[in-house]
Amino acid sequence: MSKNQKVQRLLRESYLAMIRNSAGTKMFRNFYVEIDGKKEDSTRNGELSCAYFVSSILIAFGLIKKIHLSVNGLLEEMKKCGWKKIKNPRKGSVLVWEFKKFDDEQHRHIGFFISNTKTISNSFKKKTPTIHHWTFKRKRKVETILWHRRLVKIYGEDK
């Protein structure tokens, strides 16, 4: 680039590209914590990485303030940072799925809406973010759809 070139960041394209390009990456697989002096992989080698994945993308765009390892903690942070419920998903909105039993515990799930019926969220089986149908082919109901007013600036009027 020369000094005279006008450069404008394309946040819309960058935000969606980061979400889409995360499919299959192993970078959200592990997050270590120390509990009572013992090291533990809080995400269980990618099985429980959905909140870590979503919060990492959101923090990269300044839409939250810190990384989260639990859906409930992330949802609390999102509320404090201005995220609001909406009725219909828009590209880049955050989806929260209903509780489902996993390893004898109830877990919520969180991910991103990316197109008409497609979302991306962390797959506990593949242990990476994966593109899939937004209702998991009617096996899991979307509980909440979240949107931030700053995404309008990123997206303009595009839905």
N, C-alpha and C. Protein backbone atom coordinates (compact mmCIF):
# COMPACT_ATOMS: atom_id res chain seq x y z
N MET A 1 0.83 -1.18 0.00
CA MET A 1 0.00 0.00 0.00
C MET A 1 0.87 1.24 0.00
N SER A 2 0.45 2.21 -0.75
CA SER A 2 1.16 3.49 -0.74
C SER A 2 0.52 4.42 0.28
N LYS A 3 1.22 5.47 0.63
CA LYS A 3 0.72 6.43 1.61
C LYS A 3 -0.56 7.11 1.15
N ASN A 4 -0.76 7.22 -0.13
CA ASN A 4 -1.90 7.96 -0.66
C ASN A 4 -3.16 7.12 -0.81
N GLN A 5 -3.06 5.82 -0.60
CA GLN A 5 -4.24 4.96 -0.75
C GLN A 5 -5.17 5.11 0.45
N LYS A 6 -6.44 5.19 0.16
CA LYS A 6 -7.45 5.25 1.22
C LYS A 6 -7.84 3.81 1.57
N VAL A 7 -7.67 3.44 2.82
CA VAL A 7 -7.97 2.08 3.27
C VAL A 7 -9.12 2.15 4.25
N GLN A 8 -10.11 1.32 4.01
CA GLN A 8 -11.26 1.24 4.90
C GLN A 8 -11.44 -0.21 5.33
N ARG A 9 -11.53 -0.44 6.63
CA ARG A 9 -11.74 -1.79 7.13
C ARG A 9 -13.15 -2.24 6.75
N LEU A 10 -13.26 -3.45 6.25
CA LEU A 10 -14.56 -4.02 5.89
C LEU A 10 -14.99 -4.98 6.99
N LEU A 11 -15.59 -4.41 8.03
CA LEU A 11 -15.94 -5.20 9.20
C LEU A 11 -16.98 -6.27 8.90
N ARG A 12 -17.94 -5.96 8.06
CA ARG A 12 -18.98 -6.94 7.72
C ARG A 12 -18.36 -8.20 7.15
N GLU A 13 -17.55 -8.02 6.13
CA GLU A 13 -16.92 -9.16 5.47
C GLU A 13 -15.96 -9.89 6.40
N SER A 14 -15.23 -9.13 7.21
CA SER A 14 -14.25 -9.73 8.12
C SER A 14 -14.93 -10.54 9.22
N TYR A 15 -16.01 -10.01 9.79
CA TYR A 15 -16.75 -10.69 10.85
C TYR A 15 -17.31 -12.03 10.34
N LEU A 16 -18.01 -11.99 9.21
CA LEU A 16 -18.57 -13.23 8.64
C LEU A 16 -17.47 -14.19 8.20
N ALA A 17 -16.40 -13.68 7.64
CA ALA A 17 -15.29 -14.54 7.20
C ALA A 17 -14.66 -15.25 8.39
N MET A 18 -14.47 -14.53 9.50
CA MET A 18 -13.88 -15.16 10.67
C MET A 18 -14.79 -16.28 11.19
N ILE A 19 -16.09 -16.02 11.19
CA ILE A 19 -17.03 -17.04 11.65
C ILE A 19 -16.97 -18.25 10.72
N ARG A 20 -17.14 -18.04 9.42
CA ARG A 20 -17.14 -19.15 8.45
C ARG A 20 -15.81 -19.89 8.41
N ASN A 21 -14.71 -19.17 8.45
CA ASN A 21 -13.39 -19.79 8.34
C ASN A 21 -12.98 -20.57 9.58
N SER A 22 -13.74 -20.44 10.64
CA SER A 22 -13.42 -21.19 11.85
C SER A 22 -13.84 -22.66 11.75
N ALA A 23 -14.66 -22.99 10.77
CA ALA A 23 -15.12 -24.38 10.62
C ALA A 23 -13.92 -25.32 10.49
N GLY A 24 -13.89 -26.30 11.36
CA GLY A 24 -12.83 -27.31 11.32
C GLY A 24 -11.56 -26.95 12.06
N THR A 25 -11.44 -25.72 12.53
CA THR A 25 -10.21 -25.34 13.23
C THR A 25 -10.13 -26.00 14.60
N LYS A 26 -8.92 -26.30 15.01
CA LYS A 26 -8.70 -26.89 16.33
C LYS A 26 -8.32 -25.83 17.37
N MET A 27 -8.31 -24.57 16.98
CA MET A 27 -7.81 -23.53 17.87
C MET A 27 -8.68 -23.30 19.10
N PHE A 28 -9.93 -23.77 19.10
CA PHE A 28 -10.81 -23.59 20.26
C PHE A 28 -10.94 -24.88 21.08
N ARG A 29 -10.09 -25.83 20.82
CA ARG A 29 -10.20 -27.16 21.43
C ARG A 29 -9.82 -27.18 22.91
N ASN A 30 -8.84 -26.40 23.31
CA ASN A 30 -8.34 -26.50 24.68
C ASN A 30 -8.26 -25.14 25.36
N PHE A 31 -8.69 -25.11 26.60
CA PHE A 31 -8.49 -23.93 27.45
C PHE A 31 -8.23 -24.46 28.85
N TYR A 32 -7.04 -24.17 29.36
CA TYR A 32 -6.60 -24.75 30.62
C TYR A 32 -6.85 -23.80 31.79
N VAL A 33 -7.25 -24.39 32.90
CA VAL A 33 -7.45 -23.66 34.15
C VAL A 33 -6.74 -24.45 35.25
N GLU A 34 -6.49 -23.76 36.35
CA GLU A 34 -5.94 -24.45 37.51
C GLU A 34 -6.99 -24.44 38.61
N ILE A 35 -7.34 -25.62 39.09
CA ILE A 35 -8.33 -25.77 40.15
C ILE A 35 -7.66 -26.49 41.31
N ASP A 36 -7.58 -25.79 42.45
CA ASP A 36 -6.93 -26.34 43.64
C ASP A 36 -5.54 -26.89 43.33
N GLY A 37 -4.78 -26.13 42.54
CA GLY A 37 -3.41 -26.50 42.22
C GLY A 37 -3.25 -27.55 41.13
N LYS A 38 -4.35 -27.98 40.55
CA LYS A 38 -4.30 -29.02 39.52
C LYS A 38 -4.74 -28.44 38.17
N LYS A 39 -3.93 -28.67 37.12
CA LYS A 39 -4.25 -28.20 35.77
C LYS A 39 -5.38 -29.06 35.20
N GLU A 40 -6.33 -28.38 34.56
CA GLU A 40 -7.46 -29.08 33.95
C GLU A 40 -7.83 -28.41 32.63
N ASP A 41 -8.17 -29.20 31.62
CA ASP A 41 -8.66 -28.67 30.35
C ASP A 41 -10.15 -28.44 30.51
N SER A 42 -10.52 -27.20 30.71
CA SER A 42 -11.90 -26.83 30.99
C SER A 42 -12.85 -27.17 29.85
N THR A 43 -12.34 -27.21 28.63
CA THR A 43 -13.18 -27.50 27.47
C THR A 43 -13.19 -28.98 27.09
N ARG A 44 -12.53 -29.80 27.88
CA ARG A 44 -12.48 -31.25 27.68
C ARG A 44 -12.08 -31.61 26.24
N ASN A 45 -10.95 -31.05 25.81
CA ASN A 45 -10.38 -31.32 24.49
C ASN A 45 -11.36 -31.03 23.35
N GLY A 46 -12.16 -29.99 23.53
CA GLY A 46 -13.06 -29.56 22.46
C GLY A 46 -14.50 -30.01 22.60
N GLU A 47 -14.78 -30.88 23.54
CA GLU A 47 -16.17 -31.34 23.71
C GLU A 47 -17.08 -30.21 24.18
N LEU A 48 -16.56 -29.33 25.01
CA LEU A 48 -17.37 -28.26 25.60
C LEU A 48 -16.83 -26.88 25.23
N SER A 49 -16.57 -26.66 23.95
CA SER A 49 -15.91 -25.43 23.51
C SER A 49 -16.84 -24.40 22.86
N CYS A 50 -18.15 -24.58 22.91
CA CYS A 50 -19.03 -23.67 22.18
C CYS A 50 -18.93 -22.23 22.68
N ALA A 51 -18.94 -22.02 23.99
CA ALA A 51 -18.86 -20.66 24.54
C ALA A 51 -17.48 -20.05 24.27
N TYR A 52 -16.45 -20.86 24.36
CA TYR A 52 -15.09 -20.40 24.07
C TYR A 52 -15.00 -19.93 22.62
N PHE A 53 -15.53 -20.72 21.70
CA PHE A 53 -15.54 -20.37 20.28
C PHE A 53 -16.27 -19.05 20.04
N VAL A 54 -17.52 -18.95 20.49
CA VAL A 54 -18.33 -17.76 20.24
C VAL A 54 -17.71 -16.54 20.91
N SER A 55 -17.29 -16.66 22.17
CA SER A 55 -16.73 -15.49 22.86
C SER A 55 -15.42 -15.03 22.21
N SER A 56 -14.64 -15.94 21.66
CA SER A 56 -13.40 -15.55 20.98
C SER A 56 -13.67 -14.68 19.76
N ILE A 57 -14.68 -15.03 18.98
CA ILE A 57 -15.05 -14.22 17.81
C ILE A 57 -15.59 -12.86 18.26
N LEU A 58 -16.49 -12.88 19.24
CA LEU A 58 -17.10 -11.63 19.70
C LEU A 58 -16.08 -10.68 20.30
N ILE A 59 -15.11 -11.20 21.02
CA ILE A 59 -14.10 -10.33 21.62
C ILE A 59 -13.20 -9.73 20.53
N ALA A 60 -12.96 -10.48 19.48
CA ALA A 60 -12.12 -9.97 18.38
C ALA A 60 -12.73 -8.74 17.72
N PHE A 61 -14.06 -8.61 17.79
CA PHE A 61 -14.75 -7.47 17.18
C PHE A 61 -15.25 -6.48 18.24
N GLY A 62 -14.79 -6.63 19.48
CA GLY A 62 -15.13 -5.69 20.54
C GLY A 62 -16.59 -5.75 20.97
N LEU A 63 -17.24 -6.90 20.78
CA LEU A 63 -18.66 -7.02 21.10
C LEU A 63 -18.91 -7.58 22.50
N ILE A 64 -17.86 -8.05 23.15
CA ILE A 64 -17.86 -8.41 24.57
C ILE A 64 -16.48 -8.06 25.10
N LYS A 65 -16.26 -8.25 26.42
CA LYS A 65 -15.00 -7.81 27.02
C LYS A 65 -14.04 -8.92 27.42
N LYS A 66 -14.53 -10.17 27.55
CA LYS A 66 -13.60 -11.24 27.94
C LYS A 66 -14.06 -12.60 27.41
N ILE A 67 -13.13 -13.53 27.39
CA ILE A 67 -13.38 -14.90 26.96
C ILE A 67 -14.23 -15.61 28.01
N HIS A 68 -15.15 -16.45 27.55
CA HIS A 68 -15.99 -17.24 28.46
C HIS A 68 -15.93 -18.71 28.09
N LEU A 69 -16.05 -19.55 29.12
CA LEU A 69 -16.01 -21.00 28.92
C LEU A 69 -17.36 -21.64 29.20
N SER A 70 -18.33 -20.87 29.66
CA SER A 70 -19.67 -21.40 29.88
C SER A 70 -20.70 -20.54 29.14
N VAL A 71 -21.75 -21.18 28.68
CA VAL A 71 -22.80 -20.45 27.96
C VAL A 71 -23.46 -19.44 28.90
N ASN A 72 -23.77 -19.83 30.13
CA ASN A 72 -24.42 -18.91 31.05
C ASN A 72 -23.57 -17.67 31.33
N GLY A 73 -22.27 -17.87 31.54
CA GLY A 73 -21.37 -16.74 31.76
C GLY A 73 -21.30 -15.83 30.55
N LEU A 74 -21.24 -16.43 29.37
CA LEU A 74 -21.21 -15.65 28.14
C LEU A 74 -22.50 -14.86 27.96
N LEU A 75 -23.64 -15.48 28.22
CA LEU A 75 -24.92 -14.78 28.08
C LEU A 75 -25.03 -13.60 29.03
N GLU A 76 -24.53 -13.75 30.25
CA GLU A 76 -24.53 -12.63 31.20
C GLU A 76 -23.69 -11.48 30.68
N GLU A 77 -22.50 -11.80 30.16
CA GLU A 77 -21.61 -10.78 29.60
C GLU A 77 -22.26 -10.10 28.39
N MET A 78 -22.88 -10.88 27.52
CA MET A 78 -23.51 -10.32 26.33
C MET A 78 -24.61 -9.34 26.72
N LYS A 79 -25.39 -9.68 27.72
CA LYS A 79 -26.46 -8.79 28.19
C LYS A 79 -25.87 -7.47 28.69
N LYS A 80 -24.78 -7.55 29.47
CA LYS A 80 -24.12 -6.35 29.99
C LYS A 80 -23.54 -5.49 28.86
N CYS A 81 -23.15 -6.14 27.76
CA CYS A 81 -22.52 -5.44 26.64
C CYS A 81 -23.51 -5.00 25.56
N GLY A 82 -24.80 -5.07 25.84
CA GLY A 82 -25.80 -4.51 24.94
C GLY A 82 -26.45 -5.46 23.95
N TRP A 83 -26.24 -6.77 24.08
CA TRP A 83 -26.89 -7.73 23.20
C TRP A 83 -28.37 -7.83 23.56
N LYS A 84 -29.23 -7.87 22.54
CA LYS A 84 -30.69 -7.93 22.73
C LYS A 84 -31.28 -9.11 21.97
N LYS A 85 -32.40 -9.60 22.48
CA LYS A 85 -33.13 -10.68 21.81
C LYS A 85 -33.84 -10.11 20.58
N ILE A 86 -33.83 -10.91 19.50
CA ILE A 86 -34.59 -10.57 18.30
C ILE A 86 -35.41 -11.80 17.91
N LYS A 87 -36.41 -11.59 17.04
CA LYS A 87 -37.29 -12.70 16.68
C LYS A 87 -36.75 -13.56 15.55
N ASN A 88 -36.15 -12.93 14.56
CA ASN A 88 -35.68 -13.66 13.38
C ASN A 88 -34.17 -13.55 13.25
N PRO A 89 -33.51 -14.66 12.94
CA PRO A 89 -32.04 -14.62 12.84
C PRO A 89 -31.58 -13.80 11.64
N ARG A 90 -30.43 -13.15 11.83
CA ARG A 90 -29.76 -12.39 10.77
C ARG A 90 -28.34 -12.94 10.68
N LYS A 91 -27.73 -12.83 9.52
CA LYS A 91 -26.34 -13.28 9.37
C LYS A 91 -25.48 -12.66 10.46
N GLY A 92 -24.79 -13.52 11.20
CA GLY A 92 -23.92 -13.05 12.28
C GLY A 92 -24.58 -12.99 13.64
N SER A 93 -25.90 -13.22 13.69
CA SER A 93 -26.54 -13.23 15.01
C SER A 93 -26.11 -14.47 15.79
N VAL A 94 -26.25 -14.40 17.09
CA VAL A 94 -25.87 -15.50 17.97
C VAL A 94 -27.12 -16.28 18.35
N LEU A 95 -27.04 -17.60 18.21
CA LEU A 95 -28.16 -18.48 18.55
C LEU A 95 -27.83 -19.24 19.82
N VAL A 96 -28.84 -19.42 20.66
CA VAL A 96 -28.71 -20.24 21.86
C VAL A 96 -29.74 -21.35 21.75
N TRP A 97 -29.26 -22.59 21.85
CA TRP A 97 -30.15 -23.74 21.76
C TRP A 97 -30.56 -24.19 23.15
N GLU A 98 -31.69 -24.87 23.21
CA GLU A 98 -32.25 -25.36 24.47
C GLU A 98 -31.29 -26.33 25.16
N PHE A 99 -31.56 -26.57 26.43
CA PHE A 99 -30.78 -27.52 27.21
C PHE A 99 -30.92 -28.92 26.63
N LYS A 100 -29.83 -29.67 26.67
CA LYS A 100 -29.83 -31.06 26.23
C LYS A 100 -28.91 -31.84 27.16
N LYS A 101 -29.29 -33.08 27.45
CA LYS A 101 -28.48 -33.90 28.35
C LYS A 101 -27.23 -34.40 27.62
N PHE A 102 -26.09 -34.23 28.28
CA PHE A 102 -24.79 -34.65 27.75
C PHE A 102 -23.96 -35.07 28.94
N ASP A 103 -23.51 -36.31 28.94
CA ASP A 103 -22.73 -36.86 30.06
C ASP A 103 -23.43 -36.64 31.40
N ASP A 104 -24.71 -36.98 31.44
CA ASP A 104 -25.54 -36.87 32.65
C ASP A 104 -25.69 -35.45 33.19
N GLU A 105 -25.41 -34.45 32.36
CA GLU A 105 -25.58 -33.05 32.75
C GLU A 105 -26.37 -32.34 31.66
N GLN A 106 -27.14 -31.32 32.05
CA GLN A 106 -27.88 -30.51 31.09
C GLN A 106 -26.97 -29.38 30.60
N HIS A 107 -26.87 -29.24 29.28
CA HIS A 107 -26.03 -28.19 28.69
C HIS A 107 -26.82 -27.40 27.66
N ARG A 108 -26.61 -26.08 27.68
CA ARG A 108 -27.09 -25.23 26.59
C ARG A 108 -26.00 -25.25 25.52
N HIS A 109 -26.35 -24.70 24.36
CA HIS A 109 -25.39 -24.65 23.27
C HIS A 109 -25.50 -23.28 22.61
N ILE A 110 -24.38 -22.78 22.06
CA ILE A 110 -24.36 -21.45 21.47
C ILE A 110 -23.53 -21.46 20.19
N GLY A 111 -23.95 -20.67 19.20
CA GLY A 111 -23.23 -20.59 17.93
C GLY A 111 -23.71 -19.39 17.13
N PHE A 112 -23.34 -19.35 15.86
CA PHE A 112 -23.65 -18.22 14.97
C PHE A 112 -24.57 -18.64 13.83
N PHE A 113 -25.50 -17.78 13.46
CA PHE A 113 -26.32 -17.95 12.28
C PHE A 113 -25.53 -17.38 11.10
N ILE A 114 -25.40 -18.17 10.00
CA ILE A 114 -24.58 -17.69 8.88
C ILE A 114 -25.33 -17.58 7.56
N SER A 115 -26.47 -18.25 7.39
CA SER A 115 -27.26 -18.11 6.16
C SER A 115 -28.65 -18.70 6.38
N ASN A 116 -29.45 -18.79 5.35
CA ASN A 116 -30.85 -19.19 5.44
C ASN A 116 -31.17 -20.23 6.50
N THR A 117 -30.51 -21.36 6.46
CA THR A 117 -30.78 -22.42 7.44
C THR A 117 -29.49 -22.93 8.09
N LYS A 118 -28.39 -22.29 7.83
CA LYS A 118 -27.09 -22.78 8.30
C LYS A 118 -26.55 -21.97 9.47
N THR A 119 -25.93 -22.70 10.38
CA THR A 119 -25.25 -22.11 11.52
C THR A 119 -23.89 -22.77 11.66
N ILE A 120 -23.09 -22.18 12.51
CA ILE A 120 -21.82 -22.79 12.86
C ILE A 120 -21.70 -22.76 14.38
N SER A 121 -21.39 -23.91 14.93
CA SER A 121 -21.18 -24.02 16.37
C SER A 121 -20.20 -25.15 16.61
N ASN A 122 -19.69 -25.22 17.82
CA ASN A 122 -18.73 -26.27 18.13
C ASN A 122 -19.43 -27.62 18.23
N SER A 123 -18.90 -28.62 17.54
CA SER A 123 -19.43 -29.98 17.58
C SER A 123 -18.71 -30.74 18.68
N PHE A 124 -19.45 -31.25 19.66
CA PHE A 124 -18.80 -32.02 20.72
C PHE A 124 -18.23 -33.32 20.19
N LYS A 125 -18.78 -33.85 19.09
CA LYS A 125 -18.25 -35.09 18.51
C LYS A 125 -16.96 -34.82 17.73
N LYS A 126 -16.98 -33.79 16.87
CA LYS A 126 -15.81 -33.48 16.06
C LYS A 126 -14.78 -32.64 16.83
N LYS A 127 -15.24 -32.00 17.90
CA LYS A 127 -14.40 -31.16 18.75
C LYS A 127 -13.85 -29.95 18.02
N THR A 128 -14.60 -29.48 17.02
CA THR A 128 -14.25 -28.28 16.27
C THR A 128 -15.54 -27.57 15.87
N PRO A 129 -15.47 -26.29 15.53
CA PRO A 129 -16.65 -25.61 14.98
C PRO A 129 -17.05 -26.28 13.66
N THR A 130 -18.36 -26.47 13.49
CA THR A 130 -18.89 -27.19 12.34
C THR A 130 -20.14 -26.48 11.81
N ILE A 131 -20.27 -26.45 10.49
CA ILE A 131 -21.48 -25.88 9.87
C ILE A 131 -22.56 -26.95 9.86
N HIS A 132 -23.78 -26.56 10.25
CA HIS A 132 -24.89 -27.50 10.33
C HIS A 132 -26.22 -26.77 10.18
N HIS A 133 -27.32 -27.53 10.08
CA HIS A 133 -28.66 -26.96 10.01
C HIS A 133 -28.95 -26.25 11.33
N TRP A 134 -29.64 -25.14 11.28
CA TRP A 134 -29.83 -24.32 12.48
C TRP A 134 -30.70 -24.97 13.56
N THR A 135 -31.46 -26.00 13.22
CA THR A 135 -32.22 -26.73 14.26
C THR A 135 -31.67 -28.14 14.46
N PHE A 136 -30.45 -28.36 13.97
CA PHE A 136 -29.87 -29.71 14.04
C PHE A 136 -30.86 -30.72 13.46
N LYS A 137 -31.44 -30.34 12.31
CA LYS A 137 -32.45 -31.16 11.62
C LYS A 137 -33.61 -31.51 12.56
N ARG A 138 -34.10 -30.48 13.24
CA ARG A 138 -35.25 -30.56 14.16
C ARG A 138 -34.99 -31.40 15.41
N LYS A 139 -33.74 -31.55 15.77
CA LYS A 139 -33.39 -32.32 16.98
C LYS A 139 -33.13 -31.41 18.18
N ARG A 140 -32.98 -30.11 17.91
CA ARG A 140 -32.71 -29.18 19.00
C ARG A 140 -33.31 -27.82 18.66
N LYS A 141 -34.10 -27.29 19.57
CA LYS A 141 -34.82 -26.04 19.35
C LYS A 141 -33.95 -24.84 19.72
N VAL A 142 -34.03 -23.79 18.88
CA VAL A 142 -33.37 -22.53 19.19
C VAL A 142 -34.20 -21.84 20.26
N GLU A 143 -33.55 -21.51 21.35
CA GLU A 143 -34.21 -20.89 22.50
C GLU A 143 -34.18 -19.36 22.40
N THR A 144 -33.05 -18.82 21.93
CA THR A 144 -32.86 -17.37 21.90
C THR A 144 -32.02 -16.98 20.70
N ILE A 145 -32.37 -15.85 20.09
CA ILE A 145 -31.57 -15.25 19.01
C ILE A 145 -31.13 -13.88 19.50
N LEU A 146 -29.83 -13.61 19.43
CA LEU A 146 -29.28 -12.37 19.97
C LEU A 146 -28.60 -11.53 18.90
N TRP A 147 -28.72 -10.22 19.03
CA TRP A 147 -28.17 -9.27 18.07
C TRP A 147 -27.65 -8.07 18.83
N HIS A 148 -26.57 -7.50 18.33
CA HIS A 148 -25.99 -6.29 18.95
C HIS A 148 -26.15 -5.12 17.99
N ARG A 149 -26.48 -3.97 18.52
CA ARG A 149 -26.70 -2.77 17.69
C ARG A 149 -25.47 -2.41 16.86
N ARG A 150 -24.27 -2.73 17.37
CA ARG A 150 -23.05 -2.43 16.61
C ARG A 150 -22.96 -3.28 15.34
N LEU A 151 -23.65 -4.42 15.30
CA LEU A 151 -23.63 -5.24 14.08
C LEU A 151 -24.36 -4.53 12.95
N VAL A 152 -25.28 -3.63 13.27
CA VAL A 152 -25.95 -2.85 12.23
C VAL A 152 -24.92 -2.00 11.51
N LYS A 153 -23.98 -1.43 12.28
CA LYS A 153 -22.91 -0.64 11.66
C LYS A 153 -22.02 -1.53 10.80
N ILE A 154 -21.82 -2.75 11.27
CA ILE A 154 -21.02 -3.70 10.48
C ILE A 154 -21.79 -4.10 9.23
N TYR A 155 -23.09 -4.33 9.39
CA TYR A 155 -23.91 -4.86 8.30
C TYR A 155 -24.68 -3.84 7.51
N GLY A 156 -24.90 -2.66 8.02
CA GLY A 156 -25.80 -1.74 7.35
C GLY A 156 -27.19 -2.31 7.44
N GLU A 157 -27.90 -2.37 6.37
CA GLU A 157 -29.26 -2.87 6.37
C GLU A 157 -29.34 -4.33 5.92
N ASP A 158 -28.23 -4.95 5.64
CA ASP A 158 -28.21 -6.34 5.18
C ASP A 158 -28.70 -7.27 6.28
N LYS A 159 -29.60 -8.15 5.92
CA LYS A 159 -30.10 -9.12 6.89
C LYS A 159 -29.51 -10.43 6.63
